[in-house]
N, C-alpha and C. Protein backbone atom coordinates (compact mmCIF):
# COMPACT_ATOMS: atom_id res chain seq x y z
N MET A 1 87.63 99.66 95.77
CA MET A 1 88.88 100.14 95.44
C MET A 1 88.94 101.76 96.13
N ILE A 2 90.05 102.11 96.44
CA ILE A 2 90.19 103.35 97.06
C ILE A 2 91.20 104.08 96.13
N ARG A 3 90.85 105.37 95.83
CA ARG A 3 91.74 106.23 94.93
C ARG A 3 92.62 107.06 95.72
N LEU A 4 93.87 107.06 95.41
CA LEU A 4 94.79 107.73 96.12
C LEU A 4 95.58 108.64 95.10
N ALA A 5 95.63 110.02 95.29
CA ALA A 5 96.15 111.06 94.34
C ALA A 5 96.95 112.05 94.98
N ASN A 6 97.97 112.37 94.40
CA ASN A 6 98.83 113.52 94.55
C ASN A 6 99.72 113.80 93.44
N SER A 7 99.81 115.11 93.30
CA SER A 7 100.80 115.76 92.24
C SER A 7 100.64 115.33 90.78
N GLY A 8 99.41 115.23 90.48
CA GLY A 8 98.78 114.87 89.10
C GLY A 8 98.89 113.37 88.83
N ILE A 9 99.19 112.63 89.73
CA ILE A 9 99.05 111.05 89.78
C ILE A 9 98.27 110.41 90.46
N SER A 10 97.47 109.50 90.13
CA SER A 10 96.39 108.71 90.82
C SER A 10 96.45 107.44 90.53
N ILE A 11 95.98 106.59 91.44
CA ILE A 11 95.96 105.04 91.38
C ILE A 11 94.74 104.55 92.06
N ASP A 12 94.20 103.59 91.69
CA ASP A 12 93.01 102.99 92.51
C ASP A 12 93.47 101.75 93.06
N LEU A 13 93.39 101.59 94.31
CA LEU A 13 94.01 100.30 95.05
C LEU A 13 92.93 99.25 95.53
N PRO A 14 93.15 98.20 95.34
CA PRO A 14 92.53 97.09 95.84
C PRO A 14 92.46 97.19 97.48
N ARG A 15 91.48 96.48 97.96
CA ARG A 15 91.34 96.52 99.63
C ARG A 15 92.70 95.83 100.09
N ARG A 16 93.22 96.45 101.12
CA ARG A 16 94.51 95.79 101.86
C ARG A 16 95.74 96.26 101.39
N TRP A 17 95.73 97.03 100.16
CA TRP A 17 96.87 97.38 99.60
C TRP A 17 97.47 98.50 100.33
N ASP A 18 98.84 98.84 100.66
CA ASP A 18 99.23 99.94 101.16
C ASP A 18 99.88 100.82 99.99
N ALA A 19 99.86 102.17 100.10
CA ALA A 19 100.49 102.97 98.99
C ALA A 19 100.82 104.37 99.58
N GLN A 20 101.74 104.95 98.67
CA GLN A 20 102.06 106.13 99.12
C GLN A 20 102.47 107.02 97.85
N ILE A 21 102.16 108.40 97.66
CA ILE A 21 102.55 109.15 96.74
C ILE A 21 103.31 110.21 97.39
N ARG A 22 104.51 110.47 96.99
CA ARG A 22 105.30 111.77 97.35
C ARG A 22 105.57 112.71 96.37
N SER A 23 105.21 113.88 96.38
CA SER A 23 105.34 114.82 95.44
C SER A 23 106.89 115.37 95.33
N ALA A 24 107.14 115.96 94.31
CA ALA A 24 108.50 116.64 94.12
C ALA A 24 108.98 117.35 95.29
N GLY A 25 107.95 117.95 95.89
CA GLY A 25 108.05 118.95 96.93
C GLY A 25 108.06 118.36 98.31
N GLY A 26 107.69 117.05 98.42
CA GLY A 26 107.92 116.29 99.59
C GLY A 26 106.59 116.04 100.25
N GLU A 27 105.39 116.66 99.74
CA GLU A 27 104.12 116.42 100.51
C GLU A 27 103.85 114.91 100.08
N LEU A 28 103.23 114.16 101.21
CA LEU A 28 102.99 113.09 101.14
C LEU A 28 101.51 112.69 101.21
N THR A 29 101.00 111.70 100.43
CA THR A 29 99.56 111.22 100.43
C THR A 29 99.65 109.69 100.66
N SER A 30 99.09 108.96 101.63
CA SER A 30 99.13 107.53 101.73
C SER A 30 98.00 106.93 102.19
N ARG A 31 97.77 105.70 101.82
CA ARG A 31 96.98 104.81 102.55
C ARG A 31 97.57 103.55 102.93
N SER A 32 97.77 103.47 104.16
CA SER A 32 98.46 102.41 104.80
C SER A 32 97.89 101.88 106.05
N ALA A 33 98.30 100.47 106.30
CA ALA A 33 97.93 99.85 107.64
C ALA A 33 98.88 100.44 108.65
N SER A 34 99.98 100.85 108.42
CA SER A 34 100.92 101.43 109.32
C SER A 34 101.38 102.80 108.94
N PRO A 35 101.82 103.68 109.96
CA PRO A 35 102.38 104.95 109.50
C PRO A 35 103.65 104.73 108.60
N LEU A 36 103.57 105.59 107.49
CA LEU A 36 104.70 105.48 106.58
C LEU A 36 105.49 106.86 106.82
N ALA A 37 106.81 106.73 106.89
CA ALA A 37 107.70 107.98 107.06
C ALA A 37 108.07 108.35 105.59
N PRO A 38 108.72 109.46 105.54
CA PRO A 38 109.16 110.08 104.14
C PRO A 38 110.01 108.99 103.50
N LEU A 39 110.05 108.95 102.26
CA LEU A 39 110.91 108.06 101.61
C LEU A 39 112.46 108.41 101.73
N ASP A 40 113.20 107.44 101.51
CA ASP A 40 114.63 107.83 101.53
C ASP A 40 114.96 108.87 100.59
N ALA A 41 116.22 109.61 100.69
CA ALA A 41 116.70 110.52 99.80
C ALA A 41 116.78 109.73 98.27
N THR A 42 116.55 110.40 97.24
CA THR A 42 116.17 109.60 96.11
C THR A 42 116.92 110.41 94.88
N PRO A 43 117.08 109.58 93.79
CA PRO A 43 117.90 110.15 92.72
C PRO A 43 116.74 110.92 91.74
N SER A 44 115.47 110.51 91.89
CA SER A 44 114.44 111.34 91.09
C SER A 44 114.20 112.51 91.63
N THR A 45 113.87 113.52 90.78
CA THR A 45 113.40 114.93 91.32
C THR A 45 112.01 115.13 91.01
N GLY A 46 111.34 114.01 91.00
CA GLY A 46 109.80 114.27 90.75
C GLY A 46 109.08 113.33 91.61
N SER A 47 107.91 113.10 91.38
CA SER A 47 107.10 112.47 92.40
C SER A 47 107.26 110.90 92.33
N VAL A 48 107.18 110.27 93.30
CA VAL A 48 107.37 108.97 93.51
C VAL A 48 106.12 108.03 94.15
N LEU A 49 105.57 107.11 93.36
CA LEU A 49 104.49 106.37 94.05
C LEU A 49 104.92 104.99 94.18
N HIS A 50 104.49 104.39 95.43
CA HIS A 50 104.91 103.00 95.91
C HIS A 50 103.54 102.54 96.25
N ALA A 51 103.15 101.20 95.73
CA ALA A 51 102.04 100.55 95.98
C ALA A 51 102.26 99.07 96.15
N GLY A 52 101.78 98.56 97.27
CA GLY A 52 102.10 96.98 97.60
C GLY A 52 100.94 96.37 98.08
N SER A 53 101.06 95.09 97.70
CA SER A 53 99.86 94.19 98.03
C SER A 53 100.20 93.63 99.63
N PHE A 54 101.12 94.38 100.36
CA PHE A 54 101.55 94.01 101.52
C PHE A 54 101.97 95.30 102.35
N ALA A 55 102.12 95.19 103.64
CA ALA A 55 102.44 96.52 104.46
C ALA A 55 103.81 96.97 104.03
N LEU A 56 103.77 98.23 103.48
CA LEU A 56 105.04 98.69 103.14
C LEU A 56 105.88 99.20 104.26
N PRO A 57 107.05 98.86 104.37
CA PRO A 57 107.86 99.39 105.53
C PRO A 57 108.08 101.02 105.27
N ALA A 58 108.15 101.66 106.39
CA ALA A 58 108.47 102.89 106.58
C ALA A 58 109.54 103.61 105.70
N GLU A 59 110.54 102.77 105.77
CA GLU A 59 111.90 103.21 105.16
C GLU A 59 112.17 102.41 103.96
N ARG A 60 112.27 103.02 102.68
CA ARG A 60 112.45 102.18 101.69
C ARG A 60 113.09 103.18 100.52
N GLY A 61 113.80 102.70 99.65
CA GLY A 61 114.26 103.47 98.40
C GLY A 61 113.30 103.55 97.28
N ASP A 62 113.59 104.42 96.46
CA ASP A 62 112.55 104.59 95.29
C ASP A 62 112.48 103.39 94.53
N TYR A 63 113.22 102.74 94.38
CA TYR A 63 113.05 101.27 93.42
C TYR A 63 112.80 100.05 94.49
N GLY A 64 112.28 100.49 95.85
CA GLY A 64 111.66 99.39 96.64
C GLY A 64 112.69 98.68 97.46
N SER A 65 113.99 99.32 97.50
CA SER A 65 114.81 98.53 98.50
C SER A 65 114.24 98.81 99.77
N GLY A 66 114.32 97.83 100.67
CA GLY A 66 113.68 97.86 102.00
C GLY A 66 112.27 97.21 101.82
N ALA A 67 111.48 97.41 100.85
CA ALA A 67 110.22 96.71 100.65
C ALA A 67 110.49 95.14 100.13
N VAL A 68 111.37 95.16 99.10
CA VAL A 68 111.33 93.73 98.33
C VAL A 68 111.95 92.77 99.44
N GLU A 69 112.56 93.09 100.40
CA GLU A 69 113.19 92.21 101.41
C GLU A 69 112.02 91.62 102.25
N VAL A 70 110.96 92.29 102.42
CA VAL A 70 109.77 91.94 103.21
C VAL A 70 108.66 91.20 102.42
N MET A 71 108.90 91.17 101.01
CA MET A 71 107.78 90.60 100.21
C MET A 71 107.61 89.13 100.43
N GLY A 72 106.59 88.48 100.35
CA GLY A 72 106.40 87.20 100.55
C GLY A 72 106.06 86.78 98.82
N GLY A 73 106.09 85.48 98.71
CA GLY A 73 105.96 84.77 97.31
C GLY A 73 104.68 85.25 96.26
N SER A 74 103.65 85.76 97.29
CA SER A 74 102.27 86.10 96.62
C SER A 74 102.18 87.52 96.55
N ASP A 75 103.19 88.42 96.74
CA ASP A 75 103.27 89.78 96.90
C ASP A 75 103.68 90.65 95.63
N ILE A 76 103.03 91.90 95.41
CA ILE A 76 103.23 92.68 94.49
C ILE A 76 103.69 94.13 94.84
N LEU A 77 104.80 94.68 94.28
CA LEU A 77 105.17 95.87 94.58
C LEU A 77 105.25 96.64 93.14
N ILE A 78 104.58 97.84 93.13
CA ILE A 78 104.65 98.86 92.17
C ILE A 78 105.31 100.13 92.51
N CYS A 79 106.37 100.57 91.59
CA CYS A 79 106.98 101.71 91.84
C CYS A 79 106.94 102.50 90.57
N LEU A 80 106.50 103.83 90.85
CA LEU A 80 106.32 104.83 89.65
C LEU A 80 107.27 106.00 90.00
N LEU A 81 108.38 106.17 89.24
CA LEU A 81 109.22 107.35 89.67
C LEU A 81 109.27 108.28 88.41
N GLU A 82 109.12 109.61 88.77
CA GLU A 82 109.13 110.65 87.91
C GLU A 82 110.59 111.12 87.94
N HIS A 83 111.13 111.49 86.60
CA HIS A 83 112.37 111.96 86.24
C HIS A 83 112.38 113.57 86.07
N GLU A 84 113.49 114.20 85.96
CA GLU A 84 113.59 115.55 85.72
C GLU A 84 112.88 115.93 84.40
N PRO A 85 112.37 116.99 84.19
CA PRO A 85 111.47 117.30 83.03
C PRO A 85 112.37 117.12 81.55
N GLU A 86 113.56 117.55 81.73
CA GLU A 86 114.50 117.45 80.51
C GLU A 86 114.62 116.11 80.02
N ALA A 87 114.29 115.05 80.88
CA ALA A 87 114.59 113.77 80.41
C ALA A 87 113.66 113.34 79.42
N ALA A 88 112.38 113.93 79.24
CA ALA A 88 111.46 113.52 78.35
C ALA A 88 111.98 113.58 76.81
N ALA A 89 112.95 114.50 76.64
CA ALA A 89 113.39 114.66 75.28
C ALA A 89 114.56 113.65 75.01
N THR A 90 114.82 112.98 75.88
CA THR A 90 115.93 111.81 75.57
C THR A 90 115.35 110.43 74.93
N ALA A 91 116.14 109.67 74.33
CA ALA A 91 115.63 108.41 73.85
C ALA A 91 115.19 107.46 74.80
N LEU A 92 115.68 107.49 75.87
CA LEU A 92 115.15 106.66 77.03
C LEU A 92 113.84 106.57 77.27
N PHE A 93 113.25 107.94 77.12
CA PHE A 93 111.86 108.16 77.46
C PHE A 93 110.99 108.39 76.32
N ARG A 94 111.24 108.06 75.16
CA ARG A 94 110.62 108.13 73.85
C ARG A 94 109.23 107.64 73.89
N ARG A 95 109.21 106.58 74.62
CA ARG A 95 107.72 105.70 74.54
C ARG A 95 106.60 106.80 75.24
N GLU A 96 105.61 106.80 74.52
CA GLU A 96 104.58 107.62 75.10
C GLU A 96 103.42 106.83 75.50
N GLY A 97 103.13 107.14 76.77
CA GLY A 97 101.89 106.61 77.41
C GLY A 97 102.39 105.31 78.52
N LEU A 98 101.57 105.09 79.41
CA LEU A 98 101.72 104.16 80.50
C LEU A 98 101.92 102.76 79.77
N PRO A 99 102.86 102.06 80.21
CA PRO A 99 103.08 100.57 79.34
C PRO A 99 102.27 99.70 79.97
N SER A 100 101.83 98.57 79.24
CA SER A 100 101.25 97.44 79.62
C SER A 100 102.07 96.55 80.46
N VAL A 101 101.67 95.80 81.31
CA VAL A 101 102.53 94.87 82.14
C VAL A 101 102.05 93.43 81.70
N GLY A 102 103.10 92.54 81.22
CA GLY A 102 102.43 91.27 80.73
C GLY A 102 103.43 90.26 81.27
N VAL A 103 102.93 89.08 81.36
CA VAL A 103 103.82 87.96 81.94
C VAL A 103 105.03 87.70 81.39
N ALA A 104 105.17 87.80 80.15
CA ALA A 104 106.36 87.55 79.22
C ALA A 104 107.50 88.70 79.63
N ASP A 105 106.90 89.82 80.04
CA ASP A 105 107.84 90.94 80.47
C ASP A 105 108.61 90.82 81.62
N PHE A 106 108.37 89.92 82.43
CA PHE A 106 108.98 89.45 83.77
C PHE A 106 109.97 88.94 83.62
N SER A 107 111.26 89.07 84.52
CA SER A 107 112.38 88.35 84.52
C SER A 107 113.20 88.63 85.90
N PRO A 108 113.87 87.30 86.28
CA PRO A 108 114.61 87.74 87.53
C PRO A 108 115.80 88.79 87.19
N GLU A 109 116.31 88.92 85.95
CA GLU A 109 117.27 89.64 85.61
C GLU A 109 116.83 91.20 85.46
N SER A 110 115.55 91.28 85.43
CA SER A 110 114.95 92.65 85.54
C SER A 110 114.99 93.30 86.87
N MET A 111 115.33 92.49 88.01
CA MET A 111 115.36 93.14 89.21
C MET A 111 116.54 94.14 89.45
N GLN A 112 116.28 95.15 90.18
CA GLN A 112 117.16 96.21 90.56
C GLN A 112 118.35 95.47 91.27
N ARG A 113 117.96 94.67 92.21
CA ARG A 113 119.13 93.84 92.75
C ARG A 113 118.47 92.39 92.81
N ALA A 114 119.18 91.32 92.42
CA ALA A 114 118.85 90.17 92.46
C ALA A 114 118.23 89.51 93.70
N MET A 115 117.15 89.01 93.77
CA MET A 115 116.35 88.55 94.84
C MET A 115 115.92 87.09 94.65
N PRO A 116 116.35 86.17 95.58
CA PRO A 116 115.99 84.70 95.16
C PRO A 116 114.33 84.60 94.95
N GLY A 117 114.06 84.01 93.73
CA GLY A 117 112.75 83.69 93.38
C GLY A 117 111.91 84.78 92.93
N MET A 118 112.39 86.00 92.86
CA MET A 118 111.45 87.13 92.62
C MET A 118 111.84 87.53 91.22
N SER A 119 110.77 88.18 90.54
CA SER A 119 110.92 88.63 89.10
C SER A 119 110.46 90.07 89.05
N GLY A 120 111.01 90.88 88.06
CA GLY A 120 110.91 92.22 87.90
C GLY A 120 110.52 92.72 86.51
N PHE A 121 110.02 94.02 86.36
CA PHE A 121 109.68 94.50 85.02
C PHE A 121 110.01 95.89 85.17
N GLN A 122 110.62 96.63 84.19
CA GLN A 122 111.04 97.90 84.25
C GLN A 122 110.68 98.69 82.88
N ARG A 123 110.09 99.81 82.73
CA ARG A 123 109.97 100.45 81.55
C ARG A 123 110.04 102.00 81.71
N PHE A 124 110.47 102.58 80.69
CA PHE A 124 110.61 104.06 80.88
C PHE A 124 109.69 104.64 79.85
N PHE A 125 109.12 105.62 80.09
CA PHE A 125 107.99 106.22 79.27
C PHE A 125 107.71 107.66 79.68
N GLN A 126 106.82 108.41 78.86
CA GLN A 126 106.35 109.69 79.31
C GLN A 126 104.91 109.67 79.09
N VAL A 127 104.37 110.69 79.84
CA VAL A 127 102.96 110.96 79.47
C VAL A 127 102.92 112.61 79.83
N ALA A 128 102.29 113.15 78.74
CA ALA A 128 102.17 114.66 78.76
C ALA A 128 103.60 115.42 79.05
N GLY A 129 104.69 114.87 78.56
CA GLY A 129 105.96 115.60 78.70
C GLY A 129 106.45 115.36 80.05
N ARG A 130 105.86 114.37 80.74
CA ARG A 130 106.46 113.98 82.17
C ARG A 130 107.08 112.59 82.00
N PRO A 131 108.44 112.61 82.30
CA PRO A 131 109.13 111.22 82.11
C PRO A 131 109.01 110.51 83.37
N PHE A 132 108.89 108.95 83.22
CA PHE A 132 108.72 108.26 84.25
C PHE A 132 109.37 106.84 83.86
N CYS A 133 109.61 106.14 85.10
CA CYS A 133 110.04 104.70 85.24
C CYS A 133 109.23 103.93 85.86
N LEU A 134 108.52 102.92 85.33
CA LEU A 134 107.47 101.91 86.23
C LEU A 134 108.32 100.75 86.33
N TYR A 135 108.45 100.49 87.53
CA TYR A 135 109.33 99.32 87.96
C TYR A 135 108.17 98.46 88.88
N VAL A 136 107.85 97.16 88.46
CA VAL A 136 107.07 96.32 89.09
C VAL A 136 107.82 94.93 89.63
N VAL A 137 107.57 94.57 90.72
CA VAL A 137 108.16 93.23 91.34
C VAL A 137 107.26 92.28 91.71
N VAL A 138 107.16 90.99 91.46
CA VAL A 138 106.38 90.14 91.84
C VAL A 138 107.07 89.11 92.75
N GLY A 139 106.31 88.55 93.70
CA GLY A 139 107.25 87.76 94.90
C GLY A 139 107.80 86.56 94.20
N HIS A 140 107.11 85.84 93.15
CA HIS A 140 107.69 84.55 92.72
C HIS A 140 107.54 84.49 91.44
N HIS A 141 108.86 84.22 90.55
CA HIS A 141 108.84 84.20 89.10
C HIS A 141 108.03 82.99 88.66
N VAL A 142 108.26 81.74 89.28
CA VAL A 142 107.64 80.70 88.86
C VAL A 142 106.08 80.72 88.63
N THR A 143 105.51 81.26 89.59
CA THR A 143 103.94 81.44 89.75
C THR A 143 103.49 82.95 89.47
N ARG A 144 104.36 83.64 88.56
CA ARG A 144 104.11 85.01 88.31
C ARG A 144 102.81 85.12 87.56
N GLY A 145 102.10 84.45 86.83
CA GLY A 145 101.13 84.57 85.82
C GLY A 145 100.17 85.05 86.68
N PRO A 146 99.39 84.73 87.64
CA PRO A 146 98.26 85.60 88.39
C PRO A 146 98.76 86.84 88.99
N LEU A 147 100.06 86.81 89.40
CA LEU A 147 100.59 88.02 90.13
C LEU A 147 100.58 89.09 89.32
N VAL A 148 101.28 88.89 87.94
CA VAL A 148 101.41 89.82 87.00
C VAL A 148 99.83 90.23 86.62
N ARG A 149 99.13 89.34 86.45
CA ARG A 149 97.71 89.90 85.89
C ARG A 149 97.18 90.79 87.00
N SER A 150 97.31 90.69 88.30
CA SER A 150 96.92 91.46 89.32
C SER A 150 97.55 92.74 89.34
N ALA A 151 99.01 92.68 89.06
CA ALA A 151 99.72 93.95 88.86
C ALA A 151 99.27 94.86 87.79
N HIS A 152 98.94 94.06 86.63
CA HIS A 152 98.61 94.79 85.50
C HIS A 152 97.16 95.47 85.72
N ALA A 153 96.29 94.91 86.24
CA ALA A 153 95.06 95.59 86.72
C ALA A 153 95.24 96.77 87.62
N VAL A 154 96.11 96.70 88.52
CA VAL A 154 96.34 97.98 89.25
C VAL A 154 97.15 98.97 88.59
N VAL A 155 98.13 98.57 87.78
CA VAL A 155 98.72 99.57 86.93
C VAL A 155 98.02 100.35 86.11
N GLN A 156 96.84 99.66 85.22
CA GLN A 156 96.13 100.26 84.45
C GLN A 156 95.23 101.32 85.09
N THR A 157 95.15 101.30 86.43
CA THR A 157 94.40 102.34 86.87
C THR A 157 95.06 103.70 87.22
N ILE A 158 96.29 103.63 87.06
CA ILE A 158 97.17 104.79 87.25
C ILE A 158 96.68 105.93 86.18
N SER A 159 96.73 106.98 86.59
CA SER A 159 96.39 108.31 85.89
C SER A 159 97.52 109.44 85.98
N ILE A 160 98.09 109.79 84.88
CA ILE A 160 98.92 110.86 85.02
C ILE A 160 98.32 112.08 84.13
N VAL A 161 98.47 113.30 84.78
CA VAL A 161 97.97 114.48 84.21
C VAL A 161 99.13 115.34 84.16
N PRO A 162 98.96 116.24 83.03
CA PRO A 162 100.17 117.25 82.85
C PRO A 162 100.29 118.22 84.06
N LYS A 163 101.56 118.55 84.19
CA LYS A 163 101.80 119.49 85.43
C LYS A 163 101.28 120.76 85.10
N SER A 164 100.68 121.52 86.00
CA SER A 164 100.10 122.85 85.64
C SER A 164 101.18 123.96 85.85
């Protein structure tokens, strides 16, 4: 495993995974088989983490547009998006702590945009007053069991510390 960290967010990556963390200020930290460009203009005002079991395309949106189109049936995409600090006080972000990722939580209806065969998971939460959305996509809904277990193992390595 390789640890990638930026802006108080870290993740341990399995071999061959690509990832990038962009801080709210635009600083990039990446581990990639190919060069990654800055992410597209985004609605989130905080940090954005993308991690994939496949080569991430240089151009992609916060919720993985551009990446889900190149995923195969055995691929996983993890997106972690930080929202503006004020959002932590809203009902949407009332859950405290990084959510668990379970097989029953995945559904084709949870995709940001319907993609044939794919399945998604989305949860809003906060850690230390920092509001986030965790969005995970697996390449095939029917065979999601092992993919979700792999995604869960990677998500559980994510660490978020309070902003200083």
